[in-house]
Amino acid sequence: MVKKLSVLLIAVVLLLVVGVAGTVALAHSGREGESNGVFSFENMLPFMQEHHPGWSDEELEVMYEACHSSGSRSVWGNNANRAY
């Protein structure tokens, strides 16, 4: 009886691990234009134009680079540590 329960428990754990791994893999696939969890400037441009209608494409690209370039501190990171 104990042997059957331990086999069942191992099977359930393996199914959960495989299910979670598969879900994570599918969640990160199929996002066109995304690299390491960050969308490219070209894919973000329509969204940014909608939220900043008076800005030129060059201004939007500067903002995008300031927020998403590697090694730089983003606008969100600077504000996240500020005490209000």
PDB file of N, CA and C in Angstrom:
ATOM      1  N   MET A   1       0.828  -1.202   0.000  1.00  0.00           N
ATOM      2  CA  MET A   1       0.000   0.000   0.000  1.00  0.00           C
ATOM      3  C   MET A   1       0.869   1.262   0.000  1.00  0.00           C
ATOM      4  N   VAL A   2       1.903   1.262   0.859  1.00  0.00           N
ATOM      5  CA  VAL A   2       2.798   2.413   0.938  1.00  0.00           C
ATOM      6  C   VAL A   2       3.540   2.590  -0.379  1.00  0.00           C
ATOM      7  N   LYS A   3       3.909   1.487  -1.007  1.00  0.00           N
ATOM      8  CA  LYS A   3       4.618   1.546  -2.278  1.00  0.00           C
ATOM      9  C   LYS A   3       3.735   2.178  -3.362  1.00  0.00           C
ATOM     10  N   LYS A   4       2.463   1.821  -3.391  1.00  0.00           N
ATOM     11  CA  LYS A   4       1.526   2.379  -4.375  1.00  0.00           C
ATOM     12  C   LYS A   4       1.331   3.879  -4.153  1.00  0.00           C
ATOM     13  N   LEU A   5       1.221   4.290  -2.898  1.00  0.00           N
ATOM     14  CA  LEU A   5       1.045   5.715  -2.599  1.00  0.00           C
ATOM     15  C   LEU A   5       2.287   6.514  -2.976  1.00  0.00           C
ATOM     16  N   SER A   6       3.472   5.967  -2.710  1.00  0.00           N
ATOM     17  CA  SER A   6       4.694   6.692  -3.055  1.00  0.00           C
ATOM     18  C   SER A   6       4.851   6.806  -4.568  1.00  0.00           C
ATOM     19  N   VAL A   7       4.488   5.768  -5.315  1.00  0.00           N
ATOM     20  CA  VAL A   7       4.539   5.829  -6.781  1.00  0.00           C
ATOM     21  C   VAL A   7       3.535   6.863  -7.288  1.00  0.00           C
ATOM     22  N   LEU A   8       2.357   6.883  -6.717  1.00  0.00           N
ATOM     23  CA  LEU A   8       1.345   7.862  -7.107  1.00  0.00           C
ATOM     24  C   LEU A   8       1.817   9.284  -6.809  1.00  0.00           C
ATOM     25  N   LEU A   9       2.411   9.489  -5.657  1.00  0.00           N
ATOM     26  CA  LEU A   9       2.916  10.808  -5.283  1.00  0.00           C
ATOM     27  C   LEU A   9       4.021  11.261  -6.235  1.00  0.00           C
ATOM     28  N   ILE A  10       4.927  10.368  -6.571  1.00  0.00           N
ATOM     29  CA  ILE A  10       6.004  10.707  -7.503  1.00  0.00           C
ATOM     30  C   ILE A  10       5.422  11.050  -8.872  1.00  0.00           C
ATOM     31  N   ALA A  11       4.430  10.301  -9.318  1.00  0.00           N
ATOM     32  CA  ALA A  11       3.803  10.571 -10.611  1.00  0.00           C
ATOM     33  C   ALA A  11       3.128  11.940 -10.620  1.00  0.00           C
ATOM     34  N   VAL A  12       2.440  12.274  -9.553  1.00  0.00           N
ATOM     35  CA  VAL A  12       1.767  13.575  -9.467  1.00  0.00           C
ATOM     36  C   VAL A  12       2.785  14.709  -9.475  1.00  0.00           C
ATOM     37  N   VAL A  13       3.859  14.561  -8.726  1.00  0.00           N
ATOM     38  CA  VAL A  13       4.900  15.589  -8.684  1.00  0.00           C
ATOM     39  C   VAL A  13       5.530  15.761 -10.063  1.00  0.00           C
ATOM     40  N   LEU A  14       5.832  14.668 -10.747  1.00  0.00           N
ATOM     41  CA  LEU A  14       6.403  14.764 -12.092  1.00  0.00           C
ATOM     42  C   LEU A  14       5.450  15.446 -13.063  1.00  0.00           C
ATOM     43  N   LEU A  15       4.176  15.129 -12.981  1.00  0.00           N
ATOM     44  CA  LEU A  15       3.195  15.787 -13.850  1.00  0.00           C
ATOM     45  C   LEU A  15       3.120  17.285 -13.579  1.00  0.00           C
ATOM     46  N   LEU A  16       3.171  17.655 -12.319  1.00  0.00           N
ATOM     47  CA  LEU A  16       3.141  19.084 -11.980  1.00  0.00           C
ATOM     48  C   LEU A  16       4.380  19.796 -12.496  1.00  0.00           C
ATOM     49  N   VAL A  17       5.549  19.190 -12.339  1.00  0.00           N
ATOM     50  CA  VAL A  17       6.802  19.805 -12.807  1.00  0.00           C
ATOM     51  C   VAL A  17       6.768  19.968 -14.321  1.00  0.00           C
ATOM     52  N   VAL A  18       6.368  18.922 -15.031  1.00  0.00           N
ATOM     53  CA  VAL A  18       6.292  19.002 -16.486  1.00  0.00           C
ATOM     54  C   VAL A  18       5.241  20.027 -16.911  1.00  0.00           C
ATOM     55  N   GLY A  19       4.128  20.084 -16.218  1.00  0.00           N
ATOM     56  CA  GLY A  19       3.088  21.051 -16.546  1.00  0.00           C
ATOM     57  C   GLY A  19       3.538  22.484 -16.360  1.00  0.00           C
ATOM     58  N   VAL A  20       4.217  22.740 -15.270  1.00  0.00           N
ATOM     59  CA  VAL A  20       4.716  24.101 -15.015  1.00  0.00           C
ATOM     60  C   VAL A  20       5.775  24.469 -16.039  1.00  0.00           C
ATOM     61  N   ALA A  21       6.698  23.557 -16.315  1.00  0.00           N
ATOM     62  CA  ALA A  21       7.751  23.837 -17.299  1.00  0.00           C
ATOM     63  C   ALA A  21       7.152  24.099 -18.673  1.00  0.00           C
ATOM     64  N   GLY A  22       6.157  23.331 -19.047  1.00  0.00           N
ATOM     65  CA  GLY A  22       5.505  23.540 -20.334  1.00  0.00           C
ATOM     66  C   GLY A  22       4.769  24.860 -20.404  1.00  0.00           C
ATOM     67  N   THR A  23       4.118  25.219 -19.324  1.00  0.00           N
ATOM     68  CA  THR A  23       3.402  26.493 -19.279  1.00  0.00           C
ATOM     69  C   THR A  23       4.364  27.664 -19.413  1.00  0.00           C
ATOM     70  N   VAL A  24       5.478  27.597 -18.719  1.00  0.00           N
ATOM     71  CA  VAL A  24       6.481  28.666 -18.806  1.00  0.00           C
ATOM     72  C   VAL A  24       7.044  28.744 -20.217  1.00  0.00           C
ATOM     73  N   ALA A  25       7.344  27.602 -20.815  1.00  0.00           N
ATOM     74  CA  ALA A  25       7.887  27.595 -22.177  1.00  0.00           C
ATOM     75  C   ALA A  25       6.890  28.187 -23.167  1.00  0.00           C
ATOM     76  N   LEU A  26       5.627  27.841 -23.044  1.00  0.00           N
ATOM     77  CA  LEU A  26       4.617  28.374 -23.956  1.00  0.00           C
ATOM     78  C   LEU A  26       4.366  29.856 -23.716  1.00  0.00           C
ATOM     79  N   ALA A  27       4.474  30.289 -22.485  1.00  0.00           N
ATOM     80  CA  ALA A  27       4.248  31.701 -22.175  1.00  0.00           C
ATOM     81  C   ALA A  27       5.307  32.587 -22.810  1.00  0.00           C
ATOM     82  N   HIS A  28       6.525  32.055 -22.958  1.00  0.00           N
ATOM     83  CA  HIS A  28       7.604  32.865 -23.510  1.00  0.00           C
ATOM     84  C   HIS A  28       7.776  32.673 -25.011  1.00  0.00           C
ATOM     85  N   SER A  29       7.082  31.734 -25.594  1.00  0.00           N
ATOM     86  CA  SER A  29       7.159  31.561 -27.038  1.00  0.00           C
ATOM     87  C   SER A  29       5.972  32.284 -27.676  1.00  0.00           C
ATOM     88  N   GLY A  30       6.112  32.630 -28.919  1.00  0.00           N
ATOM     89  CA  GLY A  30       5.008  33.241 -29.632  1.00  0.00           C
ATOM     90  C   GLY A  30       4.867  34.728 -29.409  1.00  0.00           C
ATOM     91  N   ARG A  31       5.784  35.336 -28.689  1.00  0.00           N
ATOM     92  CA  ARG A  31       5.751  36.791 -28.519  1.00  0.00           C
ATOM     93  C   ARG A  31       6.679  37.386 -29.570  1.00  0.00           C
ATOM     94  N   GLU A  32       6.096  37.740 -30.676  1.00  0.00           N
ATOM     95  CA  GLU A  32       6.877  38.234 -31.796  1.00  0.00           C
ATOM     96  C   GLU A  32       7.549  39.550 -31.445  1.00  0.00           C
ATOM     97  N   GLY A  33       8.835  39.652 -31.757  1.00  0.00           N
ATOM     98  CA  GLY A  33       9.568  40.883 -31.527  1.00  0.00           C
ATOM     99  C   GLY A  33      10.091  41.041 -30.121  1.00  0.00           C
ATOM    100  N   GLU A  34       9.954  40.022 -29.310  1.00  0.00           N
ATOM    101  CA  GLU A  34      10.390  40.138 -27.927  1.00  0.00           C
ATOM    102  C   GLU A  34      11.754  39.487 -27.764  1.00  0.00           C
ATOM    103  N   SER A  35      12.609  40.127 -27.012  1.00  0.00           N
ATOM    104  CA  SER A  35      13.927  39.591 -26.727  1.00  0.00           C
ATOM    105  C   SER A  35      14.182  39.717 -25.237  1.00  0.00           C
ATOM    106  N   ASN A  36      14.353  38.594 -24.560  1.00  0.00           N
ATOM    107  CA  ASN A  36      14.605  38.584 -23.115  1.00  0.00           C
ATOM    108  C   ASN A  36      13.522  39.317 -22.331  1.00  0.00           C
ATOM    109  N   GLY A  37      12.277  39.169 -22.736  1.00  0.00           N
ATOM    110  CA  GLY A  37      11.182  39.764 -21.998  1.00  0.00           C
ATOM    111  C   GLY A  37      10.931  41.228 -22.315  1.00  0.00           C
ATOM    112  N   VAL A  38      11.658  41.785 -23.310  1.00  0.00           N
ATOM    113  CA  VAL A  38      11.495  43.194 -23.660  1.00  0.00           C
ATOM    114  C   VAL A  38      11.135  43.283 -25.138  1.00  0.00           C
ATOM    115  N   PHE A  39      10.057  43.979 -25.447  1.00  0.00           N
ATOM    116  CA  PHE A  39       9.654  44.149 -26.831  1.00  0.00           C
ATOM    117  C   PHE A  39      10.559  45.153 -27.522  1.00  0.00           C
ATOM    118  N   SER A  40      10.722  44.982 -28.836  1.00  0.00           N
ATOM    119  CA  SER A  40      11.570  45.886 -29.609  1.00  0.00           C
ATOM    120  C   SER A  40      10.895  47.258 -29.745  1.00  0.00           C
ATOM    121  N   PHE A  41      11.704  48.242 -30.096  1.00  0.00           N
ATOM    122  CA  PHE A  41      11.186  49.600 -30.270  1.00  0.00           C
ATOM    123  C   PHE A  41      10.116  49.628 -31.361  1.00  0.00           C
ATOM    124  N   GLU A  42      10.345  48.893 -32.441  1.00  0.00           N
ATOM    125  CA  GLU A  42       9.385  48.889 -33.553  1.00  0.00           C
ATOM    126  C   GLU A  42       8.030  48.351 -33.107  1.00  0.00           C
ATOM    127  N   ASN A  43       8.031  47.343 -32.263  1.00  0.00           N
ATOM    128  CA  ASN A  43       6.762  46.787 -31.793  1.00  0.00           C
ATOM    129  C   ASN A  43       6.095  47.685 -30.767  1.00  0.00           C
ATOM    130  N   MET A  44       6.864  48.420 -30.011  1.00  0.00           N
ATOM    131  CA  MET A  44       6.313  49.304 -28.981  1.00  0.00           C
ATOM    132  C   MET A  44       5.877  50.656 -29.535  1.00  0.00           C
ATOM    133  N   LEU A  45       6.376  51.027 -30.714  1.00  0.00           N
ATOM    134  CA  LEU A  45       6.115  52.359 -31.265  1.00  0.00           C
ATOM    135  C   LEU A  45       4.630  52.712 -31.346  1.00  0.00           C
ATOM    136  N   PRO A  46       3.757  51.867 -31.876  1.00  0.00           N
ATOM    137  CA  PRO A  46       2.328  52.258 -31.928  1.00  0.00           C
ATOM    138  C   PRO A  46       1.738  52.512 -30.540  1.00  0.00           C
ATOM    139  N   PHE A  47       2.097  51.696 -29.581  1.00  0.00           N
ATOM    140  CA  PHE A  47       1.618  51.873 -28.211  1.00  0.00           C
ATOM    141  C   PHE A  47       2.132  53.201 -27.636  1.00  0.00           C
ATOM    142  N   MET A  48       3.412  53.486 -27.866  1.00  0.00           N
ATOM    143  CA  MET A  48       3.995  54.725 -27.347  1.00  0.00           C
ATOM    144  C   MET A  48       3.398  55.950 -28.035  1.00  0.00           C
ATOM    145  N   GLN A  49       3.130  55.863 -29.339  1.00  0.00           N
ATOM    146  CA  GLN A  49       2.519  56.983 -30.061  1.00  0.00           C
ATOM    147  C   GLN A  49       1.117  57.263 -29.537  1.00  0.00           C
ATOM    148  N   GLU A  50       0.402  56.221 -29.160  1.00  0.00           N
ATOM    149  CA  GLU A  50      -0.941  56.383 -28.618  1.00  0.00           C
ATOM    150  C   GLU A  50      -0.902  57.113 -27.275  1.00  0.00           C
ATOM    151  N   HIS A  51       0.096  56.810 -26.450  1.00  0.00           N
ATOM    152  CA  HIS A  51       0.175  57.393 -25.114  1.00  0.00           C
ATOM    153  C   HIS A  51       0.916  58.723 -25.075  1.00  0.00           C
ATOM    154  N   HIS A  52       1.684  59.018 -26.114  1.00  0.00           N
ATOM    155  CA  HIS A  52       2.416  60.292 -26.203  1.00  0.00           C
ATOM    156  C   HIS A  52       2.208  60.875 -27.602  1.00  0.00           C
ATOM    157  N   PRO A  53       0.994  61.330 -27.909  1.00  0.00           N
ATOM    158  CA  PRO A  53       0.664  61.726 -29.288  1.00  0.00           C
ATOM    159  C   PRO A  53       1.461  62.918 -29.808  1.00  0.00           C
ATOM    160  N   GLY A  54       1.953  63.777 -28.959  1.00  0.00           N
ATOM    161  CA  GLY A  54       2.686  64.947 -29.423  1.00  0.00           C
ATOM    162  C   GLY A  54       4.175  64.711 -29.614  1.00  0.00           C
ATOM    163  N   TRP A  55       4.652  63.515 -29.345  1.00  0.00           N
ATOM    164  CA  TRP A  55       6.084  63.226 -29.417  1.00  0.00           C
ATOM    165  C   TRP A  55       6.464  62.716 -30.802  1.00  0.00           C
ATOM    166  N   SER A  56       7.670  63.082 -31.252  1.00  0.00           N
ATOM    167  CA  SER A  56       8.175  62.570 -32.524  1.00  0.00           C
ATOM    168  C   SER A  56       8.713  61.161 -32.316  1.00  0.00           C
ATOM    169  N   ASP A  57       8.923  60.453 -33.423  1.00  0.00           N
ATOM    170  CA  ASP A  57       9.481  59.100 -33.335  1.00  0.00           C
ATOM    171  C   ASP A  57      10.870  59.120 -32.698  1.00  0.00           C
ATOM    172  N   GLU A  58      11.638  60.167 -32.976  1.00  0.00           N
ATOM    173  CA  GLU A  58      12.988  60.283 -32.405  1.00  0.00           C
ATOM    174  C   GLU A  58      12.921  60.455 -30.887  1.00  0.00           C
ATOM    175  N   GLU A  59      11.988  61.284 -30.410  1.00  0.00           N
ATOM    176  CA  GLU A  59      11.829  61.467 -28.963  1.00  0.00           C
ATOM    177  C   GLU A  59      11.388  60.174 -28.289  1.00  0.00           C
ATOM    178  N   LEU A  60      10.492  59.446 -28.944  1.00  0.00           N
ATOM    179  CA  LEU A  60      10.036  58.178 -28.389  1.00  0.00           C
ATOM    180  C   LEU A  60      11.168  57.157 -28.343  1.00  0.00           C
ATOM    181  N   GLU A  61      12.022  57.167 -29.363  1.00  0.00           N
ATOM    182  CA  GLU A  61      13.143  56.227 -29.377  1.00  0.00           C
ATOM    183  C   GLU A  61      14.139  56.549 -28.268  1.00  0.00           C
ATOM    184  N   VAL A  62      14.381  57.834 -28.020  1.00  0.00           N
ATOM    185  CA  VAL A  62      15.274  58.224 -26.927  1.00  0.00           C
ATOM    186  C   VAL A  62      14.702  57.755 -25.597  1.00  0.00           C
ATOM    187  N   MET A  63      13.400  57.940 -25.415  1.00  0.00           N
ATOM    188  CA  MET A  63      12.772  57.494 -24.175  1.00  0.00           C
ATOM    189  C   MET A  63      12.852  55.972 -24.048  1.00  0.00           C
ATOM    190  N   TYR A  64      12.572  55.262 -25.147  1.00  0.00           N
ATOM    191  CA  TYR A  64      12.634  53.803 -25.126  1.00  0.00           C
ATOM    192  C   TYR A  64      14.037  53.332 -24.744  1.00  0.00           C
ATOM    193  N   GLU A  65      15.053  53.914 -25.356  1.00  0.00           N
ATOM    194  CA  GLU A  65      16.434  53.527 -25.065  1.00  0.00           C
ATOM    195  C   GLU A  65      16.801  53.839 -23.613  1.00  0.00           C
ATOM    196  N   ALA A  66      16.333  54.959 -23.095  1.00  0.00           N
ATOM    197  CA  ALA A  66      16.625  55.314 -21.708  1.00  0.00           C
ATOM    198  C   ALA A  66      16.005  54.314 -20.733  1.00  0.00           C
ATOM    199  N   CYS A  67      14.863  53.776 -21.105  1.00  0.00           N
ATOM    200  CA  CYS A  67      14.167  52.837 -20.220  1.00  0.00           C
ATOM    201  C   CYS A  67      14.601  51.394 -20.411  1.00  0.00           C
ATOM    202  N   HIS A  68      15.086  51.035 -21.603  1.00  0.00           N
ATOM    203  CA  HIS A  68      15.310  49.626 -21.905  1.00  0.00           C
ATOM    204  C   HIS A  68      16.739  49.256 -22.259  1.00  0.00           C
ATOM    205  N   SER A  69      17.643  50.203 -22.363  1.00  0.00           N
ATOM    206  CA  SER A  69      19.009  49.832 -22.725  1.00  0.00           C
ATOM    207  C   SER A  69      19.674  49.101 -21.574  1.00  0.00           C
ATOM    208  N   SER A  70      20.538  48.170 -21.898  1.00  0.00           N
ATOM    209  CA  SER A  70      21.196  47.386 -20.852  1.00  0.00           C
ATOM    210  C   SER A  70      22.234  48.247 -20.149  1.00  0.00           C
ATOM    211  N   GLY A  71      22.319  48.065 -18.866  1.00  0.00           N
ATOM    212  CA  GLY A  71      23.297  48.795 -18.079  1.00  0.00           C
ATOM    213  C   GLY A  71      22.826  50.154 -17.600  1.00  0.00           C
ATOM    214  N   SER A  72      21.701  50.624 -18.097  1.00  0.00           N
ATOM    215  CA  SER A  72      21.225  51.929 -17.641  1.00  0.00           C
ATOM    216  C   SER A  72      20.179  51.741 -16.556  1.00  0.00           C
ATOM    217  N   ARG A  73      20.024  52.729 -15.729  1.00  0.00           N
ATOM    218  CA  ARG A  73      18.975  52.685 -14.706  1.00  0.00           C
ATOM    219  C   ARG A  73      17.718  53.246 -15.333  1.00  0.00           C
ATOM    220  N   SER A  74      16.676  52.482 -15.289  1.00  0.00           N
ATOM    221  CA  SER A  74      15.431  52.903 -15.925  1.00  0.00           C
ATOM    222  C   SER A  74      14.709  53.933 -15.069  1.00  0.00           C
ATOM    223  N   VAL A  75      13.756  54.568 -15.683  1.00  0.00           N
ATOM    224  CA  VAL A  75      12.915  55.530 -14.978  1.00  0.00           C
ATOM    225  C   VAL A  75      12.213  54.826 -13.824  1.00  0.00           C
ATOM    226  N   TRP A  76      11.733  53.612 -14.058  1.00  0.00           N
ATOM    227  CA  TRP A  76      11.007  52.880 -13.029  1.00  0.00           C
ATOM    228  C   TRP A  76      11.931  52.499 -11.890  1.00  0.00           C
ATOM    229  N   GLY A  77      13.158  52.104 -12.209  1.00  0.00           N
ATOM    230  CA  GLY A  77      14.096  51.715 -11.152  1.00  0.00           C
ATOM    231  C   GLY A  77      14.452  52.886 -10.251  1.00  0.00           C
ATOM    232  N   ASN A  78      14.578  54.074 -10.831  1.00  0.00           N
ATOM    233  CA  ASN A  78      14.911  55.254 -10.029  1.00  0.00           C
ATOM    234  C   ASN A  78      13.775  55.618  -9.110  1.00  0.00           C
ATOM    235  N   ASN A  79      12.546  55.485  -9.580  1.00  0.00           N
ATOM    236  CA  ASN A  79      11.390  55.855  -8.764  1.00  0.00           C
ATOM    237  C   ASN A  79      11.013  54.793  -7.763  1.00  0.00           C
ATOM    238  N   ALA A  80      11.385  53.544  -8.032  1.00  0.00           N
ATOM    239  CA  ALA A  80      10.991  52.448  -7.151  1.00  0.00           C
ATOM    240  C   ALA A  80      11.665  52.554  -5.789  1.00  0.00           C
ATOM    241  N   ASN A  81      12.842  53.156  -5.742  1.00  0.00           N
ATOM    242  CA  ASN A  81      13.581  53.242  -4.490  1.00  0.00           C
ATOM    243  C   ASN A  81      13.326  54.522  -3.715  1.00  0.00           C
ATOM    244  N   ARG A  82      12.531  55.387  -4.272  1.00  0.00           N
ATOM    245  CA  ARG A  82      12.282  56.675  -3.644  1.00  0.00           C
ATOM    246  C   ARG A  82      11.192  56.540  -2.569  1.00  0.00           C
ATOM    247  N   ALA A  83      11.440  57.113  -1.416  1.00  0.00           N
ATOM    248  CA  ALA A  83      10.444  57.088  -0.344  1.00  0.00           C
ATOM    249  C   ALA A  83       9.514  58.288  -0.525  1.00  0.00           C
ATOM    250  N   TYR A  84       8.224  58.044  -0.497  1.00  0.00           N
ATOM    251  CA  TYR A  84       7.247  59.134  -0.671  1.00  0.00           C
ATOM    252  C   TYR A  84       6.649  59.509   0.640  1.00  0.00           C
TER     253      TYR A  84
END
